[in-house]
Amino acid sequence: MCGVRLDAYFTDKGQREALDIRELLQKQRTGSHSRRGIKQAGDRLYAPEAMRGLILYGALKGVSSLRGLEDLARLDLGSLWITGGAVP
């Protein structure tokens, strides 16, 4: 896989779900409203579209628990592509 773009790798392997979800989220982005992040006291700021994408991707993979989504975000290349590496 060295030297191959991740999007090309997904396409080559027939795993377009992550690419499609990220494209959908980018199309839905509407100005500064969607750029505001979610933050709780002292926590890091997360892009709402990244978290929506992670939830949608998790649902497609059969993952619905918060702990499962966190694991997916840490270990799955598709979720890393969607979230840009953000892990809740």
PDB file of N, CA and C in Angstrom:
ATOM      1  N   MET A   1       0.825  -1.193   0.000  1.00  0.00           N
ATOM      2  CA  MET A   1       0.000   0.000   0.000  1.00  0.00           C
ATOM      3  C   MET A   1       0.868   1.256   0.000  1.00  0.00           C
ATOM      4  N   CYS A   2       2.138   1.111   0.180  1.00  0.00           N
ATOM      5  CA  CYS A   2       3.033   2.253   0.227  1.00  0.00           C
ATOM      6  C   CYS A   2       2.985   3.038  -1.089  1.00  0.00           C
ATOM      7  N   GLY A   3       2.800   4.337  -0.986  1.00  0.00           N
ATOM      8  CA  GLY A   3       2.755   5.175  -2.166  1.00  0.00           C
ATOM      9  C   GLY A   3       1.399   5.265  -2.835  1.00  0.00           C
ATOM     10  N   VAL A   4       0.391   4.613  -2.279  1.00  0.00           N
ATOM     11  CA  VAL A   4      -0.955   4.641  -2.852  1.00  0.00           C
ATOM     12  C   VAL A   4      -1.833   5.542  -1.990  1.00  0.00           C
ATOM     13  N   ARG A   5      -2.532   6.447  -2.650  1.00  0.00           N
ATOM     14  CA  ARG A   5      -3.463   7.307  -1.903  1.00  0.00           C
ATOM     15  C   ARG A   5      -4.559   6.449  -1.274  1.00  0.00           C
ATOM     16  N   LEU A   6      -4.995   6.848  -0.083  1.00  0.00           N
ATOM     17  CA  LEU A   6      -5.999   6.078   0.634  1.00  0.00           C
ATOM     18  C   LEU A   6      -7.309   5.999  -0.139  1.00  0.00           C
ATOM     19  N   ASP A   7      -7.725   7.091  -0.777  1.00  0.00           N
ATOM     20  CA  ASP A   7      -8.965   7.044  -1.554  1.00  0.00           C
ATOM     21  C   ASP A   7      -8.841   6.082  -2.739  1.00  0.00           C
ATOM     22  N   ALA A   8      -7.677   6.024  -3.368  1.00  0.00           N
ATOM     23  CA  ALA A   8      -7.454   5.078  -4.471  1.00  0.00           C
ATOM     24  C   ALA A   8      -7.470   3.643  -3.947  1.00  0.00           C
ATOM     25  N   TYR A   9      -6.905   3.438  -2.767  1.00  0.00           N
ATOM     26  CA  TYR A   9      -6.900   2.116  -2.148  1.00  0.00           C
ATOM     27  C   TYR A   9      -8.324   1.638  -1.876  1.00  0.00           C
ATOM     28  N   PHE A  10      -9.149   2.514  -1.274  1.00  0.00           N
ATOM     29  CA  PHE A  10     -10.543   2.151  -1.004  1.00  0.00           C
ATOM     30  C   PHE A  10     -11.274   1.799  -2.293  1.00  0.00           C
ATOM     31  N   THR A  11     -11.087   2.609  -3.317  1.00  0.00           N
ATOM     32  CA  THR A  11     -11.756   2.371  -4.590  1.00  0.00           C
ATOM     33  C   THR A  11     -11.303   1.048  -5.187  1.00  0.00           C
ATOM     34  N   ASP A  12     -10.008   0.786  -5.164  1.00  0.00           N
ATOM     35  CA  ASP A  12      -9.451  -0.450  -5.710  1.00  0.00           C
ATOM     36  C   ASP A  12     -10.000  -1.679  -4.996  1.00  0.00           C
ATOM     37  N   LYS A  13     -10.227  -1.566  -3.688  1.00  0.00           N
ATOM     38  CA  LYS A  13     -10.714  -2.698  -2.891  1.00  0.00           C
ATOM     39  C   LYS A  13     -12.239  -2.786  -2.855  1.00  0.00           C
ATOM     40  N   GLY A  14     -12.917  -1.857  -3.542  1.00  0.00           N
ATOM     41  CA  GLY A  14     -14.379  -1.878  -3.556  1.00  0.00           C
ATOM     42  C   GLY A  14     -15.006  -1.454  -2.240  1.00  0.00           C
ATOM     43  N   GLN A  15     -14.287  -0.662  -1.459  1.00  0.00           N
ATOM     44  CA  GLN A  15     -14.745  -0.205  -0.149  1.00  0.00           C
ATOM     45  C   GLN A  15     -15.013   1.298  -0.202  1.00  0.00           C
ATOM     46  N   ARG A  16     -16.023   1.707  -0.932  1.00  0.00           N
ATOM     47  CA  ARG A  16     -16.283   3.125  -1.172  1.00  0.00           C
ATOM     48  C   ARG A  16     -17.143   3.786  -0.099  1.00  0.00           C
ATOM     49  N   GLU A  17     -17.593   3.061   0.906  1.00  0.00           N
ATOM     50  CA  GLU A  17     -18.496   3.643   1.903  1.00  0.00           C
ATOM     51  C   GLU A  17     -17.908   4.900   2.537  1.00  0.00           C
ATOM     52  N   ALA A  18     -16.666   4.826   2.984  1.00  0.00           N
ATOM     53  CA  ALA A  18     -16.034   5.970   3.642  1.00  0.00           C
ATOM     54  C   ALA A  18     -15.911   7.149   2.683  1.00  0.00           C
ATOM     55  N   LEU A  19     -15.567   6.872   1.434  1.00  0.00           N
ATOM     56  CA  LEU A  19     -15.445   7.940   0.442  1.00  0.00           C
ATOM     57  C   LEU A  19     -16.792   8.598   0.193  1.00  0.00           C
ATOM     58  N   ASP A  20     -17.826   7.782   0.078  1.00  0.00           N
ATOM     59  CA  ASP A  20     -19.169   8.313  -0.178  1.00  0.00           C
ATOM     60  C   ASP A  20     -19.690   9.137   0.990  1.00  0.00           C
ATOM     61  N   ILE A  21     -19.446   8.670   2.209  1.00  0.00           N
ATOM     62  CA  ILE A  21     -19.898   9.408   3.394  1.00  0.00           C
ATOM     63  C   ILE A  21     -19.174  10.752   3.488  1.00  0.00           C
ATOM     64  N   ARG A  22     -17.867  10.746   3.284  1.00  0.00           N
ATOM     65  CA  ARG A  22     -17.120  12.008   3.362  1.00  0.00           C
ATOM     66  C   ARG A  22     -17.583  12.985   2.280  1.00  0.00           C
ATOM     67  N   GLU A  23     -17.841  12.485   1.091  1.00  0.00           N
ATOM     68  CA  GLU A  23     -18.341  13.336   0.006  1.00  0.00           C
ATOM     69  C   GLU A  23     -19.709  13.915   0.356  1.00  0.00           C
ATOM     70  N   LEU A  24     -20.583  13.081   0.923  1.00  0.00           N
ATOM     71  CA  LEU A  24     -21.912  13.540   1.339  1.00  0.00           C
ATOM     72  C   LEU A  24     -21.797  14.640   2.387  1.00  0.00           C
ATOM     73  N   LEU A  25     -20.929  14.463   3.371  1.00  0.00           N
ATOM     74  CA  LEU A  25     -20.752  15.450   4.426  1.00  0.00           C
ATOM     75  C   LEU A  25     -20.205  16.761   3.872  1.00  0.00           C
ATOM     76  N   GLN A  26     -19.304  16.683   2.920  1.00  0.00           N
ATOM     77  CA  GLN A  26     -18.750  17.896   2.323  1.00  0.00           C
ATOM     78  C   GLN A  26     -19.809  18.653   1.535  1.00  0.00           C
ATOM     79  N   LYS A  27     -20.720  17.925   0.898  1.00  0.00           N
ATOM     80  CA  LYS A  27     -21.805  18.569   0.153  1.00  0.00           C
ATOM     81  C   LYS A  27     -22.795  19.244   1.094  1.00  0.00           C
ATOM     82  N   GLN A  28     -22.981  18.696   2.285  1.00  0.00           N
ATOM     83  CA  GLN A  28     -23.943  19.237   3.243  1.00  0.00           C
ATOM     84  C   GLN A  28     -23.404  20.429   4.012  1.00  0.00           C
ATOM     85  N   ARG A  29     -22.104  20.640   3.961  1.00  0.00           N
ATOM     86  CA  ARG A  29     -21.488  21.743   4.700  1.00  0.00           C
ATOM     87  C   ARG A  29     -22.092  23.064   4.221  1.00  0.00           C
ATOM     88  N   THR A  30     -22.596  23.837   5.166  1.00  0.00           N
ATOM     89  CA  THR A  30     -23.253  25.097   4.789  1.00  0.00           C
ATOM     90  C   THR A  30     -22.662  26.249   5.579  1.00  0.00           C
ATOM     91  N   GLY A  31     -21.600  26.806   5.095  1.00  0.00           N
ATOM     92  CA  GLY A  31     -21.022  27.999   5.707  1.00  0.00           C
ATOM     93  C   GLY A  31     -20.492  27.776   7.104  1.00  0.00           C
ATOM     94  N   SER A  32     -20.507  28.832   7.874  1.00  0.00           N
ATOM     95  CA  SER A  32     -19.884  28.805   9.190  1.00  0.00           C
ATOM     96  C   SER A  32     -20.686  28.004  10.210  1.00  0.00           C
ATOM     97  N   HIS A  33     -21.998  27.790   9.975  1.00  0.00           N
ATOM     98  CA  HIS A  33     -22.807  27.046  10.938  1.00  0.00           C
ATOM     99  C   HIS A  33     -22.239  25.648  11.161  1.00  0.00           C
ATOM    100  N   SER A  34     -21.890  24.935  10.087  1.00  0.00           N
ATOM    101  CA  SER A  34     -21.395  23.576  10.241  1.00  0.00           C
ATOM    102  C   SER A  34     -19.941  23.536  10.694  1.00  0.00           C
ATOM    103  N   ARG A  35     -19.266  24.662  10.666  1.00  0.00           N
ATOM    104  CA  ARG A  35     -17.864  24.687  11.084  1.00  0.00           C
ATOM    105  C   ARG A  35     -17.721  24.829  12.591  1.00  0.00           C
ATOM    106  N   ARG A  36     -18.795  25.214  13.266  1.00  0.00           N
ATOM    107  CA  ARG A  36     -18.722  25.300  14.724  1.00  0.00           C
ATOM    108  C   ARG A  36     -18.569  23.907  15.299  1.00  0.00           C
ATOM    109  N   GLY A  37     -17.702  23.775  16.256  1.00  0.00           N
ATOM    110  CA  GLY A  37     -17.440  22.462  16.824  1.00  0.00           C
ATOM    111  C   GLY A  37     -18.250  22.193  18.072  1.00  0.00           C
ATOM    112  N   ILE A  38     -18.150  20.971  18.521  1.00  0.00           N
ATOM    113  CA  ILE A  38     -18.818  20.536  19.740  1.00  0.00           C
ATOM    114  C   ILE A  38     -17.750  20.503  20.826  1.00  0.00           C
ATOM    115  N   LYS A  39     -17.996  21.167  21.940  1.00  0.00           N
ATOM    116  CA  LYS A  39     -16.995  21.214  23.000  1.00  0.00           C
ATOM    117  C   LYS A  39     -17.687  21.152  24.348  1.00  0.00           C
ATOM    118  N   GLN A  40     -17.116  20.351  25.214  1.00  0.00           N
ATOM    119  CA  GLN A  40     -17.573  20.324  26.591  1.00  0.00           C
ATOM    120  C   GLN A  40     -16.388  20.757  27.446  1.00  0.00           C
ATOM    121  N   ALA A  41     -16.662  21.187  28.621  1.00  0.00           N
ATOM    122  CA  ALA A  41     -15.656  21.787  29.505  1.00  0.00           C
ATOM    123  C   ALA A  41     -14.298  21.107  29.414  1.00  0.00           C
ATOM    124  N   GLY A  42     -13.323  21.829  28.871  1.00  0.00           N
ATOM    125  CA  GLY A  42     -11.960  21.347  28.807  1.00  0.00           C
ATOM    126  C   GLY A  42     -11.661  20.351  27.711  1.00  0.00           C
ATOM    127  N   ASP A  43     -12.661  19.940  26.947  1.00  0.00           N
ATOM    128  CA  ASP A  43     -12.450  18.952  25.895  1.00  0.00           C
ATOM    129  C   ASP A  43     -11.971  19.604  24.613  1.00  0.00           C
ATOM    130  N   ARG A  44     -11.429  18.768  23.738  1.00  0.00           N
ATOM    131  CA  ARG A  44     -11.010  19.212  22.414  1.00  0.00           C
ATOM    132  C   ARG A  44     -12.232  19.480  21.550  1.00  0.00           C
ATOM    133  N   LEU A  45     -12.085  20.337  20.575  1.00  0.00           N
ATOM    134  CA  LEU A  45     -13.157  20.708  19.672  1.00  0.00           C
ATOM    135  C   LEU A  45     -13.263  19.683  18.534  1.00  0.00           C
ATOM    136  N   TYR A  46     -14.458  19.168  18.269  1.00  0.00           N
ATOM    137  CA  TYR A  46     -14.696  18.210  17.189  1.00  0.00           C
ATOM    138  C   TYR A  46     -15.611  18.827  16.156  1.00  0.00           C
ATOM    139  N   ALA A  47     -15.317  18.596  14.900  1.00  0.00           N
ATOM    140  CA  ALA A  47     -16.176  19.085  13.831  1.00  0.00           C
ATOM    141  C   ALA A  47     -17.456  18.262  13.810  1.00  0.00           C
ATOM    142  N   PRO A  48     -18.615  18.916  13.820  1.00  0.00           N
ATOM    143  CA  PRO A  48     -19.880  18.173  13.821  1.00  0.00           C
ATOM    144  C   PRO A  48     -20.006  17.218  12.635  1.00  0.00           C
ATOM    145  N   GLU A  49     -19.516  17.625  11.457  1.00  0.00           N
ATOM    146  CA  GLU A  49     -19.651  16.738  10.296  1.00  0.00           C
ATOM    147  C   GLU A  49     -18.804  15.477  10.459  1.00  0.00           C
ATOM    148  N   ALA A  50     -17.677  15.586  11.151  1.00  0.00           N
ATOM    149  CA  ALA A  50     -16.848  14.405  11.394  1.00  0.00           C
ATOM    150  C   ALA A  50     -17.567  13.427  12.321  1.00  0.00           C
ATOM    151  N   MET A  51     -18.211  13.945  13.351  1.00  0.00           N
ATOM    152  CA  MET A  51     -18.928  13.073  14.280  1.00  0.00           C
ATOM    153  C   MET A  51     -20.174  12.468  13.631  1.00  0.00           C
ATOM    154  N   ARG A  52     -20.886  13.259  12.821  1.00  0.00           N
ATOM    155  CA  ARG A  52     -22.032  12.700  12.077  1.00  0.00           C
ATOM    156  C   ARG A  52     -21.562  11.601  11.138  1.00  0.00           C
ATOM    157  N   GLY A  53     -20.452  11.834  10.482  1.00  0.00           N
ATOM    158  CA  GLY A  53     -19.901  10.834   9.575  1.00  0.00           C
ATOM    159  C   GLY A  53     -19.512   9.563  10.303  1.00  0.00           C
ATOM    160  N   LEU A  54     -18.909   9.704  11.476  1.00  0.00           N
ATOM    161  CA  LEU A  54     -18.520   8.537  12.263  1.00  0.00           C
ATOM    162  C   LEU A  54     -19.746   7.735  12.677  1.00  0.00           C
ATOM    163  N   ILE A  55     -20.795   8.414  13.094  1.00  0.00           N
ATOM    164  CA  ILE A  55     -22.026   7.717  13.493  1.00  0.00           C
ATOM    165  C   ILE A  55     -22.643   6.990  12.303  1.00  0.00           C
ATOM    166  N   LEU A  56     -22.701   7.654  11.157  1.00  0.00           N
ATOM    167  CA  LEU A  56     -23.259   7.032   9.955  1.00  0.00           C
ATOM    168  C   LEU A  56     -22.418   5.840   9.516  1.00  0.00           C
ATOM    169  N   TYR A  57     -21.110   6.017   9.492  1.00  0.00           N
ATOM    170  CA  TYR A  57     -20.203   4.933   9.110  1.00  0.00           C
ATOM    171  C   TYR A  57     -20.324   3.768  10.093  1.00  0.00           C
ATOM    172  N   GLY A  58     -20.410   4.089  11.376  1.00  0.00           N
ATOM    173  CA  GLY A  58     -20.586   3.041  12.381  1.00  0.00           C
ATOM    174  C   GLY A  58     -21.872   2.268  12.165  1.00  0.00           C
ATOM    175  N   ALA A  59     -22.953   2.974  11.837  1.00  0.00           N
ATOM    176  CA  ALA A  59     -24.224   2.293  11.573  1.00  0.00           C
ATOM    177  C   ALA A  59     -24.096   1.339  10.388  1.00  0.00           C
ATOM    178  N   LEU A  60     -23.383   1.761   9.349  1.00  0.00           N
ATOM    179  CA  LEU A  60     -23.174   0.885   8.192  1.00  0.00           C
ATOM    180  C   LEU A  60     -22.355  -0.348   8.556  1.00  0.00           C
ATOM    181  N   LYS A  61     -21.473  -0.206   9.533  1.00  0.00           N
ATOM    182  CA  LYS A  61     -20.621  -1.305   9.982  1.00  0.00           C
ATOM    183  C   LYS A  61     -21.254  -2.106  11.125  1.00  0.00           C
ATOM    184  N   GLY A  62     -22.454  -1.701  11.574  1.00  0.00           N
ATOM    185  CA  GLY A  62     -23.123  -2.401  12.657  1.00  0.00           C
ATOM    186  C   GLY A  62     -22.637  -2.008  14.039  1.00  0.00           C
ATOM    187  N   VAL A  63     -22.035  -0.844  14.155  1.00  0.00           N
ATOM    188  CA  VAL A  63     -21.504  -0.360  15.434  1.00  0.00           C
ATOM    189  C   VAL A  63     -22.366   0.802  15.896  1.00  0.00           C
ATOM    190  N   SER A  64     -22.957   0.680  17.098  1.00  0.00           N
ATOM    191  CA  SER A  64     -23.832   1.750  17.571  1.00  0.00           C
ATOM    192  C   SER A  64     -23.477   2.259  18.962  1.00  0.00           C
ATOM    193  N   SER A  65     -22.677   1.516  19.709  1.00  0.00           N
ATOM    194  CA  SER A  65     -22.328   1.975  21.054  1.00  0.00           C
ATOM    195  C   SER A  65     -21.248   3.046  20.972  1.00  0.00           C
ATOM    196  N   LEU A  66     -21.217   3.921  21.963  1.00  0.00           N
ATOM    197  CA  LEU A  66     -20.202   4.976  21.986  1.00  0.00           C
ATOM    198  C   LEU A  66     -18.794   4.408  22.072  1.00  0.00           C
ATOM    199  N   ARG A  67     -18.628   3.385  22.869  1.00  0.00           N
ATOM    200  CA  ARG A  67     -17.305   2.745  22.984  1.00  0.00           C
ATOM    201  C   ARG A  67     -16.911   2.097  21.663  1.00  0.00           C
ATOM    202  N   GLY A  68     -17.869   1.469  20.998  1.00  0.00           N
ATOM    203  CA  GLY A  68     -17.604   0.859  19.696  1.00  0.00           C
ATOM    204  C   GLY A  68     -17.228   1.893  18.650  1.00  0.00           C
ATOM    205  N   LEU A  69     -17.917   3.052  18.683  1.00  0.00           N
ATOM    206  CA  LEU A  69     -17.588   4.131  17.745  1.00  0.00           C
ATOM    207  C   LEU A  69     -16.191   4.685  18.015  1.00  0.00           C
ATOM    208  N   GLU A  70     -15.835   4.781  19.295  1.00  0.00           N
ATOM    209  CA  GLU A  70     -14.499   5.255  19.639  1.00  0.00           C
ATOM    210  C   GLU A  70     -13.438   4.286  19.116  1.00  0.00           C
ATOM    211  N   ASP A  71     -13.673   2.988  19.299  1.00  0.00           N
ATOM    212  CA  ASP A  71     -12.731   1.992  18.781  1.00  0.00           C
ATOM    213  C   ASP A  71     -12.646   2.053  17.262  1.00  0.00           C
ATOM    214  N   LEU A  72     -13.794   2.201  16.623  1.00  0.00           N
ATOM    215  CA  LEU A  72     -13.827   2.308  15.168  1.00  0.00           C
ATOM    216  C   LEU A  72     -13.024   3.518  14.702  1.00  0.00           C
ATOM    217  N   ALA A  73     -13.190   4.634  15.402  1.00  0.00           N
ATOM    218  CA  ALA A  73     -12.479   5.864  15.035  1.00  0.00           C
ATOM    219  C   ALA A  73     -10.972   5.707  15.185  1.00  0.00           C
ATOM    220  N   ARG A  74     -10.541   4.882  16.125  1.00  0.00           N
ATOM    221  CA  ARG A  74      -9.108   4.696  16.365  1.00  0.00           C
ATOM    222  C   ARG A  74      -8.466   3.684  15.419  1.00  0.00           C
ATOM    223  N   LEU A  75      -9.247   2.678  14.984  1.00  0.00           N
ATOM    224  CA  LEU A  75      -8.649   1.520  14.323  1.00  0.00           C
ATOM    225  C   LEU A  75      -9.025   1.324  12.858  1.00  0.00           C
ATOM    226  N   ASP A  76     -10.080   1.919  12.411  1.00  0.00           N
ATOM    227  CA  ASP A  76     -10.585   1.664  11.065  1.00  0.00           C
ATOM    228  C   ASP A  76     -10.140   2.769  10.104  1.00  0.00           C
ATOM    229  N   LEU A  77      -9.520   2.385   9.000  1.00  0.00           N
ATOM    230  CA  LEU A  77      -9.037   3.373   8.034  1.00  0.00           C
ATOM    231  C   LEU A  77     -10.168   4.210   7.453  1.00  0.00           C
ATOM    232  N   GLY A  78     -11.334   3.586   7.236  1.00  0.00           N
ATOM    233  CA  GLY A  78     -12.470   4.330   6.702  1.00  0.00           C
ATOM    234  C   GLY A  78     -12.921   5.433   7.638  1.00  0.00           C
ATOM    235  N   SER A  79     -12.984   5.129   8.924  1.00  0.00           N
ATOM    236  CA  SER A  79     -13.403   6.154   9.875  1.00  0.00           C
ATOM    237  C   SER A  79     -12.330   7.236  10.019  1.00  0.00           C
ATOM    238  N   LEU A  80     -11.073   6.846   9.924  1.00  0.00           N
ATOM    239  CA  LEU A  80      -9.993   7.847   9.950  1.00  0.00           C
ATOM    240  C   LEU A  80     -10.111   8.791   8.757  1.00  0.00           C
ATOM    241  N   TRP A  81     -10.488   8.258   7.602  1.00  0.00           N
ATOM    242  CA  TRP A  81     -10.686   9.069   6.409  1.00  0.00           C
ATOM    243  C   TRP A  81     -11.837  10.057   6.620  1.00  0.00           C
ATOM    244  N   ILE A  82     -12.917   9.567   7.204  1.00  0.00           N
ATOM    245  CA  ILE A  82     -14.112  10.411   7.408  1.00  0.00           C
ATOM    246  C   ILE A  82     -13.870  11.501   8.440  1.00  0.00           C
ATOM    247  N   THR A  83     -13.247  11.144   9.553  1.00  0.00           N
ATOM    248  CA  THR A  83     -13.090  12.083  10.667  1.00  0.00           C
ATOM    249  C   THR A  83     -11.819  12.912  10.587  1.00  0.00           C
ATOM    250  N   GLY A  84     -10.942  12.587   9.678  1.00  0.00           N
ATOM    251  CA  GLY A  84      -9.673  13.301   9.613  1.00  0.00           C
ATOM    252  C   GLY A  84      -8.772  12.983  10.798  1.00  0.00           C
ATOM    253  N   GLY A  85      -9.012  11.852  11.435  1.00  0.00           N
ATOM    254  CA  GLY A  85      -8.182  11.427  12.565  1.00  0.00           C
ATOM    255  C   GLY A  85      -8.717  11.841  13.924  1.00  0.00           C
ATOM    256  N   ALA A  86      -9.837  12.550  13.965  1.00  0.00           N
ATOM    257  CA  ALA A  86     -10.428  12.939  15.252  1.00  0.00           C
ATOM    258  C   ALA A  86     -11.034  11.717  15.920  1.00  0.00           C
ATOM    259  N   VAL A  87     -10.739  11.546  17.190  1.00  0.00           N
ATOM    260  CA  VAL A  87     -11.259  10.419  17.957  1.00  0.00           C
ATOM    261  C   VAL A  87     -12.017  10.971  19.144  1.00  0.00           C
ATOM    262  N   PRO A  88     -13.304  10.633  19.249  1.00  0.00           N
ATOM    263  CA  PRO A  88     -14.096  11.145  20.383  1.00  0.00           C
ATOM    264  C   PRO A  88     -13.703  10.456  21.689  1.00  0.00           C
TER     265      PRO A  88
END
